[in-house]
């Protein structure tokens, strides 16, 4: 898969799933490795009204809002990450 400028997307080389305890909306946490060189931790698998979705790592700001610490720039990159995380999550069920 390539970005619009012809750059290739990083390969997802590993996804680790850590099941959440309890019955809240957060079902699991995930870490994703890219090209065996970078790891992003703190993704969350969340159950919402429309089913499962993946939340990117974020931090709480002084004003109470949240800012993503990591986020994909393109829809293609986001879809690739979400698909890999949800696939790994379902494999752990």
PDB file of N, CA and C in Angstrom:
ATOM      1  N   UNK A   1       0.847  -1.167   0.000  1.00  0.00           N
ATOM      2  CA  UNK A   1       0.000   0.000   0.000  1.00  0.00           C
ATOM      3  C   UNK A   1       0.902   1.243   0.000  1.00  0.00           C
ATOM      4  N   UNK A   2       0.496   2.285  -0.737  1.00  0.00           N
ATOM      5  CA  UNK A   2       1.330   3.472  -0.844  1.00  0.00           C
ATOM      6  C   UNK A   2       0.547   4.727  -0.496  1.00  0.00           C
ATOM      7  N   UNK A   3       1.247   5.728   0.043  1.00  0.00           N
ATOM      8  CA  UNK A   3       0.659   7.049   0.254  1.00  0.00           C
ATOM      9  C   UNK A   3       0.479   7.730  -1.085  1.00  0.00           C
ATOM     10  N   UNK A   4      -0.249   8.812  -1.104  1.00  0.00           N
ATOM     11  CA  UNK A   4      -0.493   9.550  -2.342  1.00  0.00           C
ATOM     12  C   UNK A   4       0.797  10.001  -3.014  1.00  0.00           C
ATOM     13  N   UNK A   5       1.809  10.350  -2.248  1.00  0.00           N
ATOM     14  CA  UNK A   5       3.072  10.815  -2.812  1.00  0.00           C
ATOM     15  C   UNK A   5       3.973   9.685  -3.265  1.00  0.00           C
ATOM     16  N   UNK A   6       3.495   8.453  -3.230  1.00  0.00           N
ATOM     17  CA  UNK A   6       4.287   7.320  -3.673  1.00  0.00           C
ATOM     18  C   UNK A   6       5.082   6.650  -2.559  1.00  0.00           C
ATOM     19  N   UNK A   7       5.021   7.179  -1.348  1.00  0.00           N
ATOM     20  CA  UNK A   7       5.732   6.568  -0.230  1.00  0.00           C
ATOM     21  C   UNK A   7       4.979   5.338   0.248  1.00  0.00           C
ATOM     22  N   UNK A   8       5.696   4.320   0.632  1.00  0.00           N
ATOM     23  CA  UNK A   8       5.054   3.113   1.137  1.00  0.00           C
ATOM     24  C   UNK A   8       4.696   3.273   2.600  1.00  0.00           C
ATOM     25  N   UNK A   9       3.579   2.654   2.982  1.00  0.00           N
ATOM     26  CA  UNK A   9       3.191   2.625   4.383  1.00  0.00           C
ATOM     27  C   UNK A   9       4.117   1.673   5.131  1.00  0.00           C
ATOM     28  N   UNK A  10       4.359   1.979   6.389  1.00  0.00           N
ATOM     29  CA  UNK A  10       5.171   1.092   7.212  1.00  0.00           C
ATOM     30  C   UNK A  10       4.467  -0.248   7.367  1.00  0.00           C
ATOM     31  N   UNK A  11       5.237  -1.306   7.414  1.00  0.00           N
ATOM     32  CA  UNK A  11       4.683  -2.632   7.610  1.00  0.00           C
ATOM     33  C   UNK A  11       4.390  -2.843   9.096  1.00  0.00           C
ATOM     34  N   UNK A  12       3.219  -3.347   9.397  1.00  0.00           N
ATOM     35  CA  UNK A  12       2.892  -3.709  10.777  1.00  0.00           C
ATOM     36  C   UNK A  12       3.470  -5.099  11.002  1.00  0.00           C
ATOM     37  N   UNK A  13       4.466  -5.173  11.881  1.00  0.00           N
ATOM     38  CA  UNK A  13       5.170  -6.433  12.077  1.00  0.00           C
ATOM     39  C   UNK A  13       4.709  -7.201  13.317  1.00  0.00           C
ATOM     40  N   UNK A  14       3.994  -6.530  14.213  1.00  0.00           N
ATOM     41  CA  UNK A  14       3.469  -7.238  15.395  1.00  0.00           C
ATOM     42  C   UNK A  14       2.378  -6.401  16.035  1.00  0.00           C
ATOM     43  N   UNK A  15       1.355  -7.087  16.525  1.00  0.00           N
ATOM     44  CA  UNK A  15       0.298  -6.455  17.319  1.00  0.00           C
ATOM     45  C   UNK A  15       0.145  -7.274  18.582  1.00  0.00           C
ATOM     46  N   UNK A  16       0.211  -6.616  19.717  1.00  0.00           N
ATOM     47  CA  UNK A  16       0.001  -7.296  21.003  1.00  0.00           C
ATOM     48  C   UNK A  16      -1.270  -6.752  21.635  1.00  0.00           C
ATOM     49  N   UNK A  17      -2.087  -7.654  22.133  1.00  0.00           N
ATOM     50  CA  UNK A  17      -3.370  -7.310  22.744  1.00  0.00           C
ATOM     51  C   UNK A  17      -3.308  -7.637  24.232  1.00  0.00           C
ATOM     52  N   UNK A  18      -3.772  -6.697  25.039  1.00  0.00           N
ATOM     53  CA  UNK A  18      -3.835  -6.877  26.490  1.00  0.00           C
ATOM     54  C   UNK A  18      -5.286  -6.641  26.898  1.00  0.00           C
ATOM     55  N   UNK A  19      -5.985  -7.719  27.242  1.00  0.00           N
ATOM     56  CA  UNK A  19      -7.404  -7.615  27.588  1.00  0.00           C
ATOM     57  C   UNK A  19      -7.587  -6.726  28.817  1.00  0.00           C
ATOM     58  N   UNK A  20      -8.615  -5.880  28.777  1.00  0.00           N
ATOM     59  CA  UNK A  20      -8.950  -5.011  29.909  1.00  0.00           C
ATOM     60  C   UNK A  20      -9.735  -5.817  30.933  1.00  0.00           C
ATOM     61  N   UNK A  21      -9.596  -5.435  32.185  1.00  0.00           N
ATOM     62  CA  UNK A  21     -10.340  -6.094  33.245  1.00  0.00           C
ATOM     63  C   UNK A  21     -11.664  -5.357  33.437  1.00  0.00           C
ATOM     64  N   UNK A  22     -12.668  -6.096  33.838  1.00  0.00           N
ATOM     65  CA  UNK A  22     -13.965  -5.487  34.089  1.00  0.00           C
ATOM     66  C   UNK A  22     -14.847  -5.498  32.856  1.00  0.00           C
ATOM     67  N   UNK A  23     -15.995  -4.852  32.984  1.00  0.00           N
ATOM     68  CA  UNK A  23     -16.998  -4.862  31.921  1.00  0.00           C
ATOM     69  C   UNK A  23     -17.230  -3.480  31.327  1.00  0.00           C
ATOM     70  N   UNK A  24     -16.240  -2.608  31.358  1.00  0.00           N
ATOM     71  CA  UNK A  24     -16.393  -1.275  30.803  1.00  0.00           C
ATOM     72  C   UNK A  24     -16.345  -1.280  29.286  1.00  0.00           C
ATOM     73  N   UNK A  25     -16.394  -0.095  28.707  1.00  0.00           N
ATOM     74  CA  UNK A  25     -16.391   0.013  27.247  1.00  0.00           C
ATOM     75  C   UNK A  25     -15.022  -0.285  26.641  1.00  0.00           C
ATOM     76  N   UNK A  26     -13.934  -0.085  27.410  1.00  0.00           N
ATOM     77  CA  UNK A  26     -12.605  -0.442  26.904  1.00  0.00           C
ATOM     78  C   UNK A  26     -12.433  -1.940  27.084  1.00  0.00           C
ATOM     79  N   UNK A  27     -12.307  -2.636  25.956  1.00  0.00           N
ATOM     80  CA  UNK A  27     -12.216  -4.095  25.977  1.00  0.00           C
ATOM     81  C   UNK A  27     -10.775  -4.591  26.017  1.00  0.00           C
ATOM     82  N   UNK A  28      -9.829  -3.796  25.458  1.00  0.00           N
ATOM     83  CA  UNK A  28      -8.430  -4.219  25.427  1.00  0.00           C
ATOM     84  C   UNK A  28      -7.540  -3.022  25.112  1.00  0.00           C
ATOM     85  N   UNK A  29      -6.280  -3.203  25.415  1.00  0.00           N
ATOM     86  CA  UNK A  29      -5.246  -2.244  25.032  1.00  0.00           C
ATOM     87  C   UNK A  29      -4.351  -2.952  24.021  1.00  0.00           C
ATOM     88  N   UNK A  30      -3.692  -2.175  23.177  1.00  0.00           N
ATOM     89  CA  UNK A  30      -2.852  -2.783  22.147  1.00  0.00           C
ATOM     90  C   UNK A  30      -1.565  -2.002  21.972  1.00  0.00           C
ATOM     91  N   UNK A  31      -0.525  -2.717  21.543  1.00  0.00           N
ATOM     92  CA  UNK A  31       0.708  -2.082  21.084  1.00  0.00           C
ATOM     93  C   UNK A  31       0.961  -2.605  19.671  1.00  0.00           C
ATOM     94  N   UNK A  32       1.452  -1.714  18.813  1.00  0.00           N
ATOM     95  CA  UNK A  32       1.670  -2.049  17.405  1.00  0.00           C
ATOM     96  C   UNK A  32       3.117  -1.750  17.055  1.00  0.00           C
ATOM     97  N   UNK A  33       3.805  -2.742  16.468  1.00  0.00           N
ATOM     98  CA  UNK A  33       5.185  -2.568  16.004  1.00  0.00           C
ATOM     99  C   UNK A  33       5.169  -2.311  14.500  1.00  0.00           C
ATOM    100  N   UNK A  34       6.002  -1.356  14.081  1.00  0.00           N
ATOM    101  CA  UNK A  34       6.120  -0.999  12.670  1.00  0.00           C
ATOM    102  C   UNK A  34       7.535  -1.288  12.194  1.00  0.00           C
ATOM    103  N   UNK A  35       7.641  -2.048  11.104  1.00  0.00           N
ATOM    104  CA  UNK A  35       8.924  -2.358  10.467  1.00  0.00           C
ATOM    105  C   UNK A  35       9.960  -2.923  11.438  1.00  0.00           C
ATOM    106  N   UNK A  36       9.508  -3.590  12.502  1.00  0.00           N
ATOM    107  CA  UNK A  36      10.421  -4.127  13.526  1.00  0.00           C
ATOM    108  C   UNK A  36      11.346  -3.054  14.089  1.00  0.00           C
ATOM    109  N   UNK A  37      10.936  -1.794  14.016  1.00  0.00           N
ATOM    110  CA  UNK A  37      11.788  -0.687  14.475  1.00  0.00           C
ATOM    111  C   UNK A  37      11.097   0.248  15.461  1.00  0.00           C
ATOM    112  N   UNK A  38       9.774   0.426  15.330  1.00  0.00           N
ATOM    113  CA  UNK A  38       9.057   1.367  16.185  1.00  0.00           C
ATOM    114  C   UNK A  38       7.869   0.668  16.811  1.00  0.00           C
ATOM    115  N   UNK A  39       7.557   1.033  18.061  1.00  0.00           N
ATOM    116  CA  UNK A  39       6.388   0.489  18.751  1.00  0.00           C
ATOM    117  C   UNK A  39       5.536   1.650  19.234  1.00  0.00           C
ATOM    118  N   UNK A  40       4.237   1.542  18.998  1.00  0.00           N
ATOM    119  CA  UNK A  40       3.282   2.505  19.525  1.00  0.00           C
ATOM    120  C   UNK A  40       2.422   1.764  20.530  1.00  0.00           C
ATOM    121  N   UNK A  41       2.397   2.261  21.764  1.00  0.00           N
ATOM    122  CA  UNK A  41       1.615   1.648  22.839  1.00  0.00           C
ATOM    123  C   UNK A  41       0.433   2.540  23.180  1.00  0.00           C
ATOM    124  N   UNK A  42      -0.557   1.957  23.792  1.00  0.00           N
ATOM    125  CA  UNK A  42      -1.671   2.740  24.306  1.00  0.00           C
ATOM    126  C   UNK A  42      -2.882   2.842  23.396  1.00  0.00           C
ATOM    127  N   UNK A  43      -2.927   2.063  22.315  1.00  0.00           N
ATOM    128  CA  UNK A  43      -4.143   2.013  21.522  1.00  0.00           C
ATOM    129  C   UNK A  43      -5.179   1.257  22.344  1.00  0.00           C
ATOM    130  N   UNK A  44      -6.451   1.604  22.160  1.00  0.00           N
ATOM    131  CA  UNK A  44      -7.512   0.949  22.929  1.00  0.00           C
ATOM    132  C   UNK A  44      -8.570   0.390  21.982  1.00  0.00           C
ATOM    133  N   UNK A  45      -9.038  -0.813  22.287  1.00  0.00           N
ATOM    134  CA  UNK A  45     -10.191  -1.389  21.594  1.00  0.00           C
ATOM    135  C   UNK A  45     -11.399  -1.046  22.455  1.00  0.00           C
ATOM    136  N   UNK A  46     -12.326  -0.299  21.860  1.00  0.00           N
ATOM    137  CA  UNK A  46     -13.473   0.228  22.600  1.00  0.00           C
ATOM    138  C   UNK A  46     -14.761  -0.285  21.968  1.00  0.00           C
ATOM    139  N   UNK A  47     -15.727  -0.669  22.828  1.00  0.00           N
ATOM    140  CA  UNK A  47     -17.032  -1.075  22.321  1.00  0.00           C
ATOM    141  C   UNK A  47     -17.981   0.102  22.415  1.00  0.00           C
ATOM    142  N   UNK A  48     -18.484   0.527  21.258  1.00  0.00           N
ATOM    143  CA  UNK A  48     -19.417   1.643  21.198  1.00  0.00           C
ATOM    144  C   UNK A  48     -20.763   1.188  20.674  1.00  0.00           C
ATOM    145  N   UNK A  49     -21.642   2.150  20.400  1.00  0.00           N
ATOM    146  CA  UNK A  49     -22.984   1.835  19.916  1.00  0.00           C
ATOM    147  C   UNK A  49     -22.958   1.105  18.580  1.00  0.00           C
ATOM    148  N   UNK A  50     -21.942   1.371  17.750  1.00  0.00           N
ATOM    149  CA  UNK A  50     -21.858   0.751  16.426  1.00  0.00           C
ATOM    150  C   UNK A  50     -20.878  -0.420  16.381  1.00  0.00           C
ATOM    151  N   UNK A  51     -20.457  -0.890  17.524  1.00  0.00           N
ATOM    152  CA  UNK A  51     -19.532  -2.015  17.573  1.00  0.00           C
ATOM    153  C   UNK A  51     -18.152  -1.602  18.040  1.00  0.00           C
ATOM    154  N   UNK A  52     -17.165  -2.428  17.749  1.00  0.00           N
ATOM    155  CA  UNK A  52     -15.796  -2.174  18.193  1.00  0.00           C
ATOM    156  C   UNK A  52     -15.105  -1.146  17.305  1.00  0.00           C
ATOM    157  N   UNK A  53     -14.294  -0.306  17.936  1.00  0.00           N
ATOM    158  CA  UNK A  53     -13.466   0.633  17.204  1.00  0.00           C
ATOM    159  C   UNK A  53     -12.149   0.790  17.950  1.00  0.00           C
ATOM    160  N   UNK A  54     -11.156   1.388  17.310  1.00  0.00           N
ATOM    161  CA  UNK A  54      -9.819   1.520  17.890  1.00  0.00           C
ATOM    162  C   UNK A  54      -9.535   2.991  18.144  1.00  0.00           C
ATOM    163  N   UNK A  55      -9.164   3.286  19.369  1.00  0.00           N
ATOM    164  CA  UNK A  55      -8.806   4.641  19.783  1.00  0.00           C
ATOM    165  C   UNK A  55      -7.286   4.760  19.800  1.00  0.00           C
ATOM    166  N   UNK A  56      -6.775   5.832  19.228  1.00  0.00           N
ATOM    167  CA  UNK A  56      -5.331   6.068  19.207  1.00  0.00           C
ATOM    168  C   UNK A  56      -4.867   6.554  20.584  1.00  0.00           C
ATOM    169  N   UNK A  57      -3.592   6.401  20.904  1.00  0.00           N
ATOM    170  CA  UNK A  57      -3.069   6.863  22.188  1.00  0.00           C
ATOM    171  C   UNK A  57      -3.250   8.376  22.320  1.00  0.00           C
ATOM    172  N   UNK A  58      -3.647   8.813  23.500  1.00  0.00           N
ATOM    173  CA  UNK A  58      -3.853  10.242  23.725  1.00  0.00           C
ATOM    174  C   UNK A  58      -3.467  10.607  25.149  1.00  0.00           C
ATOM    175  N   UNK A  59      -3.393  11.915  25.362  1.00  0.00           N
ATOM    176  CA  UNK A  59      -3.122  12.403  26.719  1.00  0.00           C
ATOM    177  C   UNK A  59      -4.116  13.501  27.040  1.00  0.00           C
ATOM    178  N   UNK A  60      -4.415  13.634  28.322  1.00  0.00           N
ATOM    179  CA  UNK A  60      -5.371  14.636  28.774  1.00  0.00           C
ATOM    180  C   UNK A  60      -4.668  15.980  28.936  1.00  0.00           C
ATOM    181  N   UNK A  61      -5.252  17.008  28.360  1.00  0.00           N
ATOM    182  CA  UNK A  61      -4.693  18.351  28.426  1.00  0.00           C
ATOM    183  C   UNK A  61      -5.205  19.064  29.679  1.00  0.00           C
ATOM    184  N   UNK A  62      -4.602  20.189  30.005  1.00  0.00           N
ATOM    185  CA  UNK A  62      -5.001  20.944  31.201  1.00  0.00           C
ATOM    186  C   UNK A  62      -6.455  21.378  31.157  1.00  0.00           C
ATOM    187  N   UNK A  63      -6.978  21.643  29.955  1.00  0.00           N
ATOM    188  CA  UNK A  63      -8.366  22.090  29.834  1.00  0.00           C
ATOM    189  C   UNK A  63      -9.363  20.933  29.854  1.00  0.00           C
ATOM    190  N   UNK A  64      -8.886  19.696  30.036  1.00  0.00           N
ATOM    191  CA  UNK A  64      -9.758  18.537  30.107  1.00  0.00           C
ATOM    192  C   UNK A  64      -9.975  17.832  28.776  1.00  0.00           C
ATOM    193  N   UNK A  65      -9.537  18.431  27.691  1.00  0.00           N
ATOM    194  CA  UNK A  65      -9.665  17.793  26.384  1.00  0.00           C
ATOM    195  C   UNK A  65      -8.548  16.765  26.212  1.00  0.00           C
ATOM    196  N   UNK A  66      -8.660  15.960  25.176  1.00  0.00           N
ATOM    197  CA  UNK A  66      -7.654  14.950  24.887  1.00  0.00           C
ATOM    198  C   UNK A  66      -6.980  15.257  23.561  1.00  0.00           C
ATOM    199  N   UNK A  67      -5.671  15.004  23.508  1.00  0.00           N
ATOM    200  CA  UNK A  67      -4.904  15.199  22.287  1.00  0.00           C
ATOM    201  C   UNK A  67      -4.213  13.883  21.948  1.00  0.00           C
ATOM    202  N   UNK A  68      -4.360  13.461  20.675  1.00  0.00           N
ATOM    203  CA  UNK A  68      -3.689  12.236  20.243  1.00  0.00           C
ATOM    204  C   UNK A  68      -2.179  12.406  20.323  1.00  0.00           C
ATOM    205  N   UNK A  69      -1.501  11.411  20.870  1.00  0.00           N
ATOM    206  CA  UNK A  69      -0.043  11.391  20.928  1.00  0.00           C
ATOM    207  C   UNK A  69       0.503  10.802  19.632  1.00  0.00           C
ATOM    208  N   UNK A  70      -0.253   9.887  19.058  1.00  0.00           N
ATOM    209  CA  UNK A  70       0.094   9.238  17.795  1.00  0.00           C
ATOM    210  C   UNK A  70      -1.181   9.119  16.989  1.00  0.00           C
ATOM    211  N   UNK A  71      -1.104   9.440  15.710  1.00  0.00           N
ATOM    212  CA  UNK A  71      -2.248   9.213  14.843  1.00  0.00           C
ATOM    213  C   UNK A  71      -1.786   9.105  13.398  1.00  0.00           C
ATOM    214  N   UNK A  72      -2.434   8.243  12.624  1.00  0.00           N
ATOM    215  CA  UNK A  72      -2.084   8.115  11.215  1.00  0.00           C
ATOM    216  C   UNK A  72      -2.526   9.365  10.453  1.00  0.00           C
ATOM    217  N   UNK A  73      -1.799   9.693   9.412  1.00  0.00           N
ATOM    218  CA  UNK A  73      -2.082  10.889   8.632  1.00  0.00           C
ATOM    219  C   UNK A  73      -3.120  10.611   7.547  1.00  0.00           C
ATOM    220  N   UNK A  74      -3.114   9.406   6.995  1.00  0.00           N
ATOM    221  CA  UNK A  74      -4.031   9.094   5.901  1.00  0.00           C
ATOM    222  C   UNK A  74      -5.084   8.085   6.346  1.00  0.00           C
ATOM    223  N   UNK A  75      -6.196   8.074   5.635  1.00  0.00           N
ATOM    224  CA  UNK A  75      -7.248   7.096   5.900  1.00  0.00           C
ATOM    225  C   UNK A  75      -6.720   5.682   5.682  1.00  0.00           C
ATOM    226  N   UNK A  76      -5.880   5.510   4.648  1.00  0.00           N
ATOM    227  CA  UNK A  76      -5.327   4.190   4.355  1.00  0.00           C
ATOM    228  C   UNK A  76      -4.489   3.672   5.520  1.00  0.00           C
ATOM    229  N   UNK A  77      -3.683   4.538   6.100  1.00  0.00           N
ATOM    230  CA  UNK A  77      -2.847   4.137   7.236  1.00  0.00           C
ATOM    231  C   UNK A  77      -3.708   3.812   8.451  1.00  0.00           C
ATOM    232  N   UNK A  78      -4.724   4.647   8.710  1.00  0.00           N
ATOM    233  CA  UNK A  78      -5.626   4.388   9.848  1.00  0.00           C
ATOM    234  C   UNK A  78      -6.333   3.047   9.650  1.00  0.00           C
ATOM    235  N   UNK A  79      -6.863   2.814   8.455  1.00  0.00           N
ATOM    236  CA  UNK A  79      -7.574   1.557   8.184  1.00  0.00           C
ATOM    237  C   UNK A  79      -6.663   0.352   8.391  1.00  0.00           C
ATOM    238  N   UNK A  80      -5.419   0.462   7.968  1.00  0.00           N
ATOM    239  CA  UNK A  80      -4.460  -0.633   8.113  1.00  0.00           C
ATOM    240  C   UNK A  80      -4.214  -0.952   9.588  1.00  0.00           C
ATOM    241  N   UNK A  81      -4.060   0.075  10.408  1.00  0.00           N
ATOM    242  CA  UNK A  81      -3.814  -0.116  11.841  1.00  0.00           C
ATOM    243  C   UNK A  81      -5.052  -0.692  12.519  1.00  0.00           C
ATOM    244  N   UNK A  82      -6.206  -0.106  12.251  1.00  0.00           N
ATOM    245  CA  UNK A  82      -7.450  -0.566  12.871  1.00  0.00           C
ATOM    246  C   UNK A  82      -7.721  -2.024  12.505  1.00  0.00           C
ATOM    247  N   UNK A  83      -7.559  -2.368  11.240  1.00  0.00           N
ATOM    248  CA  UNK A  83      -7.786  -3.737  10.795  1.00  0.00           C
ATOM    249  C   UNK A  83      -6.859  -4.719  11.510  1.00  0.00           C
ATOM    250  N   UNK A  84      -5.588  -4.370  11.641  1.00  0.00           N
ATOM    251  CA  UNK A  84      -4.621  -5.258  12.297  1.00  0.00           C
ATOM    252  C   UNK A  84      -4.936  -5.427  13.780  1.00  0.00           C
ATOM    253  N   UNK A  85      -5.305  -4.339  14.452  1.00  0.00           N
ATOM    254  CA  UNK A  85      -5.609  -4.411  15.888  1.00  0.00           C
ATOM    255  C   UNK A  85      -6.875  -5.233  16.120  1.00  0.00           C
ATOM    256  N   UNK A  86      -7.932  -4.972  15.348  1.00  0.00           N
ATOM    257  CA  UNK A  86      -9.177  -5.721  15.544  1.00  0.00           C
ATOM    258  C   UNK A  86      -9.011  -7.200  15.194  1.00  0.00           C
ATOM    259  N   UNK A  87      -8.222  -7.498  14.187  1.00  0.00           N
ATOM    260  CA  UNK A  87      -7.947  -8.895  13.836  1.00  0.00           C
ATOM    261  C   UNK A  87      -7.247  -9.604  14.994  1.00  0.00           C
ATOM    262  N   UNK A  88      -6.219  -8.965  15.560  1.00  0.00           N
ATOM    263  CA  UNK A  88      -5.503  -9.559  16.696  1.00  0.00           C
ATOM    264  C   UNK A  88      -6.419  -9.697  17.910  1.00  0.00           C
ATOM    265  N   UNK A  89      -7.293  -8.726  18.114  1.00  0.00           N
ATOM    266  CA  UNK A  89      -8.246  -8.777  19.229  1.00  0.00           C
ATOM    267  C   UNK A  89      -9.173  -9.985  19.074  1.00  0.00           C
ATOM    268  N   UNK A  90      -9.735 -10.158  17.894  1.00  0.00           N
ATOM    269  CA  UNK A  90     -10.667 -11.281  17.662  1.00  0.00           C
ATOM    270  C   UNK A  90      -9.959 -12.625  17.764  1.00  0.00           C
ATOM    271  N   UNK A  91      -8.692 -12.687  17.408  1.00  0.00           N
ATOM    272  CA  UNK A  91      -7.942 -13.931  17.529  1.00  0.00           C
ATOM    273  C   UNK A  91      -7.722 -14.328  18.990  1.00  0.00           C
ATOM    274  N   UNK A  92      -7.783 -13.360  19.898  1.00  0.00           N
ATOM    275  CA  UNK A  92      -7.579 -13.616  21.335  1.00  0.00           C
ATOM    276  C   UNK A  92      -8.856 -13.998  22.052  1.00  0.00           C
ATOM    277  N   UNK A  93      -9.999 -13.818  21.387  1.00  0.00           N
ATOM    278  CA  UNK A  93     -11.288 -14.092  22.061  1.00  0.00           C
ATOM    279  C   UNK A  93     -11.473 -15.571  22.315  1.00  0.00           C
TER     280      UNK A  93
END
